[in-house]
Structures are given as structure tokens and as C-alpha cells.
């Protein structure tokens, strides 16, 4: 599995704990001095691997940090043999956009993460998936990340998880 934008590798490391047979590698624009998985640098647009190098590509809250969502998603599809797993955000209106901007600024600004605030609607995501030759095998916007009462503001279908298969 390739974890694109792996940060400190926590998510991939947890997956590896539940699946010890899983081999995990990460890429990051600015690799952190300490990462829980093997990680190498990449330019944010082109993944430094040959076609079909990994069974699965994982992108957790990465694509909305890119200027061109399709470019990085196309790269993930290129290096994946089977699936691309995406967890990201949905913005269907100005309230969603404002809430996501606030969340992104609070969570990422202190770490120097690029914040283009490139949030997509479900329709836009589906267009990106299709353009990259990916079909939706599973899509859920019921992602229980926050306890009540925070879920009322920061949940409300602002997040999604999608399993995408190569067409």
C-alpha cells in the first residue's frame, strides 16, 4: 500500500498493526523528521514509482490540498494495481465551504501545510473519479469522526470515504 501524503505515518501504521502482512510505504511533500512508516519525498504532483507498483493507494485528507485534484488522483490510479482509497471533504454550499476552511486553517496552518481550500462537491468528485478511470465501489458520507455536540457542526456529511476501483 502507498500512503500518499502520509504525514507522520500514523494512519498507515495503525492499518499495519491490524494487518501485519501489509507492506506500507509513504510519500510526502515535506517528509517529517520522524515517520512511523518508510517515507520518501515527492513533488506533490508526480508519484516516483512505476505503473502498478502498489495494490492500493491511500489518500487521507490530501486531495483538497492540491491545486489540481485530477492530477494527483490520476497518479494514484497509475501506481495502483487495484484500488484507490480516498478520505476527503464534501462541500455542497457556502456554509460547508466556510466550515471546512475554518477546520483546515485551525488544523493545518500551524504545520505550514498548503491551504488552497480546494473543496469539491459530490458531483465534482465523481467527475474527477471518472476522468481518472476510476469507478466508485463504495462511497459513504457517514464518517463519525466527532462526538456530539461537535458532530453537529463539523460532521454533517462534510467528510467522505470512497473505495475506487480501476475501470
C-alpha atoms as a PDB file:
ATOM      1  CA  UNK A   1       0.000   0.000   0.000  1.00  0.00           C
ATOM      2  CA  UNK A   2       1.162   3.514  -0.788  1.00  0.00           C
ATOM      3  CA  UNK A   3       0.043   6.241   1.626  1.00  0.00           C
ATOM      4  CA  UNK A   4       0.110   9.487  -0.366  1.00  0.00           C
ATOM      5  CA  UNK A   5       0.571  12.489   1.919  1.00  0.00           C
ATOM      6  CA  UNK A   6       1.268  10.197   4.862  1.00  0.00           C
ATOM      7  CA  UNK A   7       2.204  12.919   7.375  1.00  0.00           C
ATOM      8  CA  UNK A   8       3.784  11.163  10.340  1.00  0.00           C
ATOM      9  CA  UNK A   9       2.573   7.747   9.131  1.00  0.00           C
ATOM     10  CA  UNK A  10       0.096   7.209  11.962  1.00  0.00           C
ATOM     11  CA  UNK A  11      -2.842   6.044   9.839  1.00  0.00           C
ATOM     12  CA  UNK A  12      -0.748   3.599   7.792  1.00  0.00           C
ATOM     13  CA  UNK A  13       0.965   2.310  10.953  1.00  0.00           C
ATOM     14  CA  UNK A  14      -2.411   1.607  12.573  1.00  0.00           C
ATOM     15  CA  UNK A  15      -3.536  -0.242   9.437  1.00  0.00           C
ATOM     16  CA  UNK A  16      -0.323  -2.261   9.532  1.00  0.00           C
ATOM     17  CA  UNK A  17      -0.973  -3.188  13.177  1.00  0.00           C
ATOM     18  CA  UNK A  18      -4.351  -4.644  12.193  1.00  0.00           C
ATOM     19  CA  UNK A  19      -2.869  -6.295   9.076  1.00  0.00           C
ATOM     20  CA  UNK A  20       0.709  -7.399   9.855  1.00  0.00           C
ATOM     21  CA  UNK A  21       1.008  -8.846   6.329  1.00  0.00           C
ATOM     22  CA  UNK A  22       0.562  -5.351   4.869  1.00  0.00           C
ATOM     23  CA  UNK A  23       3.612  -3.677   3.359  1.00  0.00           C
ATOM     24  CA  UNK A  24       3.320   0.096   3.571  1.00  0.00           C
ATOM     25  CA  UNK A  25       5.283   2.957   2.091  1.00  0.00           C
ATOM     26  CA  UNK A  26       4.544   6.661   2.217  1.00  0.00           C
ATOM     27  CA  UNK A  27       5.239   9.810   0.253  1.00  0.00           C
ATOM     28  CA  UNK A  28       5.090  13.362   1.491  1.00  0.00           C
ATOM     29  CA  UNK A  29       5.897  16.787   0.061  1.00  0.00           C
ATOM     30  CA  UNK A  30       7.836  17.670   3.206  1.00  0.00           C
ATOM     31  CA  UNK A  31       8.696  14.416   4.998  1.00  0.00           C
ATOM     32  CA  UNK A  32       8.736  14.786   8.751  1.00  0.00           C
ATOM     33  CA  UNK A  33      11.898  14.007  10.715  1.00  0.00           C
ATOM     34  CA  UNK A  34      10.037  11.176  12.446  1.00  0.00           C
ATOM     35  CA  UNK A  35       7.624   8.995  10.496  1.00  0.00           C
ATOM     36  CA  UNK A  36       6.124   5.678  11.622  1.00  0.00           C
ATOM     37  CA  UNK A  37       6.460   4.199   8.111  1.00  0.00           C
ATOM     38  CA  UNK A  38       9.074   4.307   5.368  1.00  0.00           C
ATOM     39  CA  UNK A  39       8.543   7.647   3.647  1.00  0.00           C
ATOM     40  CA  UNK A  40      10.134   9.467   0.750  1.00  0.00           C
ATOM     41  CA  UNK A  41       9.752  12.923  -0.672  1.00  0.00           C
ATOM     42  CA  UNK A  42       7.710  13.716  -3.794  1.00  0.00           C
ATOM     43  CA  UNK A  43       6.791  16.910  -5.639  1.00  0.00           C
ATOM     44  CA  UNK A  44       3.054  16.764  -4.861  1.00  0.00           C
ATOM     45  CA  UNK A  45       2.069  16.011  -8.470  1.00  0.00           C
ATOM     46  CA  UNK A  46       4.035  13.016  -9.746  1.00  0.00           C
ATOM     47  CA  UNK A  47       4.487   9.831  -7.727  1.00  0.00           C
ATOM     48  CA  UNK A  48       8.047   8.477  -8.031  1.00  0.00           C
ATOM     49  CA  UNK A  49       7.023   4.889  -8.819  1.00  0.00           C
ATOM     50  CA  UNK A  50       6.414   2.808 -11.945  1.00  0.00           C
ATOM     51  CA  UNK A  51       2.891   1.927 -13.083  1.00  0.00           C
ATOM     52  CA  UNK A  52       1.033  -0.584 -10.882  1.00  0.00           C
ATOM     53  CA  UNK A  53       3.697  -0.605  -8.142  1.00  0.00           C
ATOM     54  CA  UNK A  54       1.158  -0.980  -5.306  1.00  0.00           C
ATOM     55  CA  UNK A  55      -2.040  -2.938  -4.811  1.00  0.00           C
ATOM     56  CA  UNK A  56      -3.703   0.073  -3.192  1.00  0.00           C
ATOM     57  CA  UNK A  57      -3.129   3.828  -2.909  1.00  0.00           C
ATOM     58  CA  UNK A  58      -4.449   5.639   0.160  1.00  0.00           C
ATOM     59  CA  UNK A  59      -5.132   9.395   0.216  1.00  0.00           C
ATOM     60  CA  UNK A  60      -6.448  10.702   3.538  1.00  0.00           C
ATOM     61  CA  UNK A  61      -7.347  14.417   3.530  1.00  0.00           C
ATOM     62  CA  UNK A  62      -4.793  15.081   0.793  1.00  0.00           C
ATOM     63  CA  UNK A  63      -6.606  15.947  -2.423  1.00  0.00           C
ATOM     64  CA  UNK A  64      -8.197  19.168  -1.161  1.00  0.00           C
ATOM     65  CA  UNK A  65      -4.657  20.442  -0.522  1.00  0.00           C
ATOM     66  CA  UNK A  66      -3.800  20.192  -4.229  1.00  0.00           C
ATOM     67  CA  UNK A  67      -4.440  22.798  -6.875  1.00  0.00           C
ATOM     68  CA  UNK A  68      -5.241  20.070  -9.438  1.00  0.00           C
ATOM     69  CA  UNK A  69      -7.193  17.230  -7.820  1.00  0.00           C
ATOM     70  CA  UNK A  70      -7.288  15.220 -11.051  1.00  0.00           C
ATOM     71  CA  UNK A  71      -3.501  15.251 -11.492  1.00  0.00           C
ATOM     72  CA  UNK A  72      -2.685  13.586  -8.163  1.00  0.00           C
ATOM     73  CA  UNK A  73      -5.689  11.255  -8.339  1.00  0.00           C
ATOM     74  CA  UNK A  74      -4.604  10.173 -11.844  1.00  0.00           C
ATOM     75  CA  UNK A  75      -1.120   9.447 -10.454  1.00  0.00           C
ATOM     76  CA  UNK A  76      -2.609   7.371  -7.628  1.00  0.00           C
ATOM     77  CA  UNK A  77      -4.625   5.380 -10.189  1.00  0.00           C
ATOM     78  CA  UNK A  78      -1.482   4.896 -12.287  1.00  0.00           C
ATOM     79  CA  UNK A  79       0.613   3.383  -9.486  1.00  0.00           C
ATOM     80  CA  UNK A  80      -2.262   1.296  -8.039  1.00  0.00           C
ATOM     81  CA  UNK A  81      -2.964  -2.181  -9.406  1.00  0.00           C
ATOM     82  CA  UNK A  82      -6.433  -2.495  -7.904  1.00  0.00           C
ATOM     83  CA  UNK A  83      -7.876   0.287  -5.765  1.00  0.00           C
ATOM     84  CA  UNK A  84      -7.558   3.856  -4.621  1.00  0.00           C
ATOM     85  CA  UNK A  85      -8.967   4.684  -1.184  1.00  0.00           C
ATOM     86  CA  UNK A  86      -9.878   8.307  -0.534  1.00  0.00           C
ATOM     87  CA  UNK A  87     -10.990  10.101   2.622  1.00  0.00           C
ATOM     88  CA  UNK A  88     -11.643  13.758   1.965  1.00  0.00           C
ATOM     89  CA  UNK A  89     -14.255  16.508   2.246  1.00  0.00           C
ATOM     90  CA  UNK A  90     -17.562  17.397   0.609  1.00  0.00           C
ATOM     91  CA  UNK A  91     -18.598  20.995   0.079  1.00  0.00           C
ATOM     92  CA  UNK A  92     -22.102  21.418  -1.294  1.00  0.00           C
ATOM     93  CA  UNK A  93     -22.723  25.054  -0.260  1.00  0.00           C
ATOM     94  CA  UNK A  94     -21.128  28.175   1.245  1.00  0.00           C
ATOM     95  CA  UNK A  95     -21.729  27.013   4.836  1.00  0.00           C
ATOM     96  CA  UNK A  96     -19.847  23.780   4.095  1.00  0.00           C
ATOM     97  CA  UNK A  97     -17.035  25.750   2.451  1.00  0.00           C
ATOM     98  CA  UNK A  98     -16.708  28.157   5.387  1.00  0.00           C
ATOM     99  CA  UNK A  99     -16.736  25.365   7.950  1.00  0.00           C
ATOM    100  CA  UNK A 100     -14.098  23.377   6.041  1.00  0.00           C
ATOM    101  CA  UNK A 101     -11.893  26.465   5.630  1.00  0.00           C
ATOM    102  CA  UNK A 102     -12.056  27.075   9.388  1.00  0.00           C
ATOM    103  CA  UNK A 103     -11.269  23.429  10.174  1.00  0.00           C
ATOM    104  CA  UNK A 104      -8.381  23.365   7.687  1.00  0.00           C
ATOM    105  CA  UNK A 105      -6.918  26.624   8.973  1.00  0.00           C
ATOM    106  CA  UNK A 106      -7.065  25.502  12.620  1.00  0.00           C
ATOM    107  CA  UNK A 107      -5.728  22.003  11.915  1.00  0.00           C
ATOM    108  CA  UNK A 108      -3.079  22.702   9.280  1.00  0.00           C
ATOM    109  CA  UNK A 109      -1.911  26.315   9.396  1.00  0.00           C
ATOM    110  CA  UNK A 110       0.387  25.701  12.405  1.00  0.00           C
ATOM    111  CA  UNK A 111       2.142  22.918  10.441  1.00  0.00           C
ATOM    112  CA  UNK A 112       2.811  25.009   7.327  1.00  0.00           C
ATOM    113  CA  UNK A 113       0.520  22.873   5.138  1.00  0.00           C
ATOM    114  CA  UNK A 114      -0.540  24.485   1.841  1.00  0.00           C
ATOM    115  CA  UNK A 115      -4.164  25.615   2.077  1.00  0.00           C
ATOM    116  CA  UNK A 116      -5.718  26.147  -1.370  1.00  0.00           C
ATOM    117  CA  UNK A 117      -9.147  25.301   0.133  1.00  0.00           C
ATOM    118  CA  UNK A 118      -9.924  23.191  -2.941  1.00  0.00           C
ATOM    119  CA  UNK A 119     -13.096  21.515  -1.681  1.00  0.00           C
ATOM    120  CA  UNK A 120     -15.317  19.612  -4.095  1.00  0.00           C
ATOM    121  CA  UNK A 121     -18.990  18.705  -4.262  1.00  0.00           C
ATOM    122  CA  UNK A 122     -20.045  15.090  -4.692  1.00  0.00           C
ATOM    123  CA  UNK A 123     -20.724  15.766  -8.372  1.00  0.00           C
ATOM    124  CA  UNK A 124     -17.229  17.241  -8.837  1.00  0.00           C
ATOM    125  CA  UNK A 125     -15.637  14.261  -7.065  1.00  0.00           C
ATOM    126  CA  UNK A 126     -17.492  11.829  -9.314  1.00  0.00           C
ATOM    127  CA  UNK A 127     -16.234  13.717 -12.379  1.00  0.00           C
ATOM    128  CA  UNK A 128     -12.629  13.520 -11.093  1.00  0.00           C
ATOM    129  CA  UNK A 129     -13.004   9.792 -10.429  1.00  0.00           C
ATOM    130  CA  UNK A 130     -14.368   9.114 -13.912  1.00  0.00           C
ATOM    131  CA  UNK A 131     -11.715  11.287 -15.593  1.00  0.00           C
ATOM    132  CA  UNK A 132      -9.046   9.183 -13.865  1.00  0.00           C
ATOM    133  CA  UNK A 133     -10.572   5.873 -14.972  1.00  0.00           C
ATOM    134  CA  UNK A 134     -11.867   5.031 -11.504  1.00  0.00           C
ATOM    135  CA  UNK A 135     -15.306   3.715 -10.639  1.00  0.00           C
ATOM    136  CA  UNK A 136     -16.890   4.005  -7.212  1.00  0.00           C
ATOM    137  CA  UNK A 137     -17.116   0.619  -5.479  1.00  0.00           C
ATOM    138  CA  UNK A 138     -18.172   2.165  -2.168  1.00  0.00           C
ATOM    139  CA  UNK A 139     -18.938   5.742  -1.071  1.00  0.00           C
ATOM    140  CA  UNK A 140     -20.050   6.899   2.364  1.00  0.00           C
ATOM    141  CA  UNK A 141     -20.541  10.353   3.793  1.00  0.00           C
ATOM    142  CA  UNK A 142     -21.409   8.904   7.192  1.00  0.00           C
ATOM    143  CA  UNK A 143     -17.986   9.250   8.780  1.00  0.00           C
ATOM    144  CA  UNK A 144     -18.402   9.537  12.572  1.00  0.00           C
ATOM    145  CA  UNK A 145     -15.272  11.496  13.477  1.00  0.00           C
ATOM    146  CA  UNK A 146     -16.556  13.796  16.221  1.00  0.00           C
ATOM    147  CA  UNK A 147     -18.620  13.346  19.387  1.00  0.00           C
ATOM    148  CA  UNK A 148     -21.863  15.264  19.956  1.00  0.00           C
ATOM    149  CA  UNK A 149     -22.156  18.299  20.004  1.00  0.00           C
ATOM    150  CA  UNK A 150     -19.097  18.818  17.732  1.00  0.00           C
ATOM    151  CA  UNK A 151     -20.506  16.413  15.134  1.00  0.00           C
ATOM    152  CA  UNK A 152     -23.427  18.799  14.579  1.00  0.00           C
ATOM    153  CA  UNK A 153     -21.032  21.460  13.303  1.00  0.00           C
ATOM    154  CA  UNK A 154     -18.001  19.558  11.998  1.00  0.00           C
ATOM    155  CA  UNK A 155     -19.671  16.307  10.921  1.00  0.00           C
ATOM    156  CA  UNK A 156     -22.872  16.848   8.954  1.00  0.00           C
ATOM    157  CA  UNK A 157     -21.645  14.981   5.863  1.00  0.00           C
ATOM    158  CA  UNK A 158     -18.585  17.186   5.329  1.00  0.00           C
ATOM    159  CA  UNK A 159     -16.416  14.062   5.084  1.00  0.00           C
ATOM    160  CA  UNK A 160     -16.498  11.029   2.838  1.00  0.00           C
ATOM    161  CA  UNK A 161     -14.708   7.760   2.345  1.00  0.00           C
ATOM    162  CA  UNK A 162     -14.577   6.147  -1.091  1.00  0.00           C
ATOM    163  CA  UNK A 163     -13.190   2.906  -2.388  1.00  0.00           C
ATOM    164  CA  UNK A 164     -12.407   3.362  -6.061  1.00  0.00           C
ATOM    165  CA  UNK A 165     -11.602   0.535  -8.461  1.00  0.00           C
ATOM    166  CA  UNK A 166      -9.689   0.882 -11.670  1.00  0.00           C
ATOM    167  CA  UNK A 167     -12.093   0.692 -14.602  1.00  0.00           C
END
